[in-house]
């Protein structure tokens, strides 16, 4: 069974850094990409970044230059390093396992609408506040 679990959410001050982890099981990064999404209170869920072993990475304009994805293939882990955090980054952060063709679509088009076949984690809360 394909599963992902996020961890690392916390309360952090503006300008601070945080690293989120997405642990995958039941699948290989050869067959799946990992997407990160966030949902702020009262707002729609937003796709912010995606990483694929074969196609690279893509970032939303709102996080580009501040957030960085990396992949540990041996451990089936994906990290989202978040620097220069702003109060607007507050929200629940989700990772999702995307079939590789979906990750490719996101990376080459720059945008993504989730499919029913994507597998989601339970989310981790990030709060950026003084």
Protein backbone atom coordinates (compact mmCIF):
# COMPACT_ATOMS: atom_id res chain seq x y z
CA UNK A 1 0.00 0.00 0.00
CA UNK A 2 1.32 3.42 -0.98
CA UNK A 3 1.58 5.72 2.04
CA UNK A 4 3.24 9.02 2.92
CA UNK A 5 3.67 10.61 6.33
CA UNK A 6 4.71 14.21 6.95
CA UNK A 7 6.63 15.44 9.97
CA UNK A 8 8.54 18.48 11.16
CA UNK A 9 5.85 21.10 11.51
CA UNK A 10 6.36 23.63 14.32
CA UNK A 11 5.93 27.21 15.42
CA UNK A 12 8.73 29.43 14.13
CA UNK A 13 9.42 33.15 14.10
CA UNK A 14 9.38 35.20 10.90
CA UNK A 15 12.71 34.91 9.13
CA UNK A 16 13.32 31.49 10.62
CA UNK A 17 13.81 28.11 9.00
CA UNK A 18 12.15 24.74 9.21
CA UNK A 19 12.64 21.39 7.51
CA UNK A 20 9.68 19.17 6.78
CA UNK A 21 10.02 15.48 5.97
CA UNK A 22 7.84 13.22 3.88
CA UNK A 23 8.41 9.52 4.50
CA UNK A 24 7.18 7.21 1.79
CA UNK A 25 6.40 3.50 2.00
CA UNK A 26 5.01 0.92 -0.37
CA UNK A 27 6.46 2.53 -3.48
CA UNK A 28 9.68 3.54 -5.22
CA UNK A 29 10.76 7.04 -6.18
CA UNK A 30 11.37 5.55 -9.62
CA UNK A 31 7.60 5.33 -10.06
CA UNK A 32 6.30 8.25 -8.01
CA UNK A 33 7.00 11.94 -7.59
CA UNK A 34 6.40 13.78 -4.33
CA UNK A 35 4.37 16.94 -4.26
CA UNK A 36 4.04 19.41 -1.40
CA UNK A 37 0.89 21.39 -0.83
CA UNK A 38 -0.26 23.77 1.85
CA UNK A 39 -3.59 25.09 3.02
CA UNK A 40 -3.83 28.34 4.95
CA UNK A 41 -6.87 29.08 7.11
CA UNK A 42 -9.78 30.13 4.92
CA UNK A 43 -7.87 29.52 1.69
CA UNK A 44 -7.77 26.80 -0.91
CA UNK A 45 -5.04 24.20 -0.93
CA UNK A 46 -2.02 25.38 -2.93
CA UNK A 47 0.57 23.24 -4.67
CA UNK A 48 3.97 24.67 -3.74
CA UNK A 49 6.64 22.25 -4.92
CA UNK A 50 7.26 18.91 -6.57
CA UNK A 51 10.25 16.64 -6.96
CA UNK A 52 10.74 13.74 -9.30
CA UNK A 53 13.78 11.55 -9.52
CA UNK A 54 13.67 11.63 -13.32
CA UNK A 55 12.33 15.14 -14.02
CA UNK A 56 13.78 17.37 -11.31
CA UNK A 57 11.93 19.98 -9.29
CA UNK A 58 9.46 22.80 -9.64
CA UNK A 59 8.44 25.52 -7.18
CA UNK A 60 5.51 27.89 -6.94
CA UNK A 61 6.37 31.54 -7.30
CA UNK A 62 5.38 32.15 -3.69
CA UNK A 63 8.18 29.92 -2.36
CA UNK A 64 10.80 29.93 -5.11
CA UNK A 65 14.19 30.96 -3.79
CA UNK A 66 13.20 30.27 -0.18
CA UNK A 67 12.14 26.60 -0.22
CA UNK A 68 14.28 23.71 -1.44
CA UNK A 69 13.38 20.09 -2.07
CA UNK A 70 15.75 17.16 -1.69
CA UNK A 71 15.35 13.43 -1.93
CA UNK A 72 17.02 10.61 -0.02
CA UNK A 73 16.39 7.68 -2.29
CA UNK A 74 17.85 5.07 0.05
CA UNK A 75 15.50 6.07 2.87
CA UNK A 76 12.47 6.94 0.74
CA UNK A 77 12.45 10.41 2.26
CA UNK A 78 11.82 13.81 0.74
CA UNK A 79 12.78 16.96 2.60
CA UNK A 80 11.30 20.42 2.19
CA UNK A 81 13.78 22.97 3.54
CA UNK A 82 11.98 26.24 4.23
CA UNK A 83 14.03 29.39 4.82
CA UNK A 84 13.12 33.05 5.33
CA UNK A 85 9.70 32.04 6.56
CA UNK A 86 6.93 34.61 6.53
CA UNK A 87 3.59 34.73 8.37
CA UNK A 88 1.95 34.05 5.00
CA UNK A 89 3.62 30.61 5.01
CA UNK A 90 1.41 29.55 7.93
CA UNK A 91 -0.80 26.57 7.16
CA UNK A 92 -1.11 22.82 7.10
CA UNK A 93 1.52 21.27 4.85
CA UNK A 94 0.76 18.05 3.04
CA UNK A 95 2.90 15.80 0.92
CA UNK A 96 1.45 13.49 -1.68
CA UNK A 97 2.78 10.60 -3.72
CA UNK A 98 2.01 11.32 -7.37
CA UNK A 99 2.31 8.74 -10.14
CA UNK A 100 5.39 9.74 -12.11
CA UNK A 101 3.39 10.99 -15.11
CA UNK A 102 1.59 13.45 -12.78
CA UNK A 103 4.87 14.70 -11.39
CA UNK A 104 6.16 15.15 -14.93
CA UNK A 105 3.02 17.11 -15.80
CA UNK A 106 3.54 19.43 -12.82
CA UNK A 107 7.23 19.98 -13.42
CA UNK A 108 6.92 20.77 -17.12
CA UNK A 109 3.69 22.82 -16.94
CA UNK A 110 4.44 24.66 -13.71
CA UNK A 111 1.01 24.02 -12.24
CA UNK A 112 -0.95 21.04 -11.00
CA UNK A 113 -4.47 19.97 -10.17
CA UNK A 114 -4.49 16.86 -7.96
CA UNK A 115 -5.93 13.60 -9.22
CA UNK A 116 -7.94 11.06 -7.25
CA UNK A 117 -5.07 8.62 -7.65
CA UNK A 118 -2.66 10.83 -5.69
CA UNK A 119 -1.94 9.53 -2.18
CA UNK A 120 -1.96 12.08 0.63
CA UNK A 121 -0.49 12.29 4.09
CA UNK A 122 -2.31 13.60 7.13
CA UNK A 123 -0.55 16.97 7.12
CA UNK A 124 1.71 18.83 9.52
CA UNK A 125 1.05 22.29 10.95
CA UNK A 126 3.48 25.15 10.30
CA UNK A 127 2.90 28.40 12.14
CA UNK A 128 5.05 31.47 11.48
CA UNK A 129 4.44 33.98 14.21
CA UNK A 130 6.27 36.29 16.60
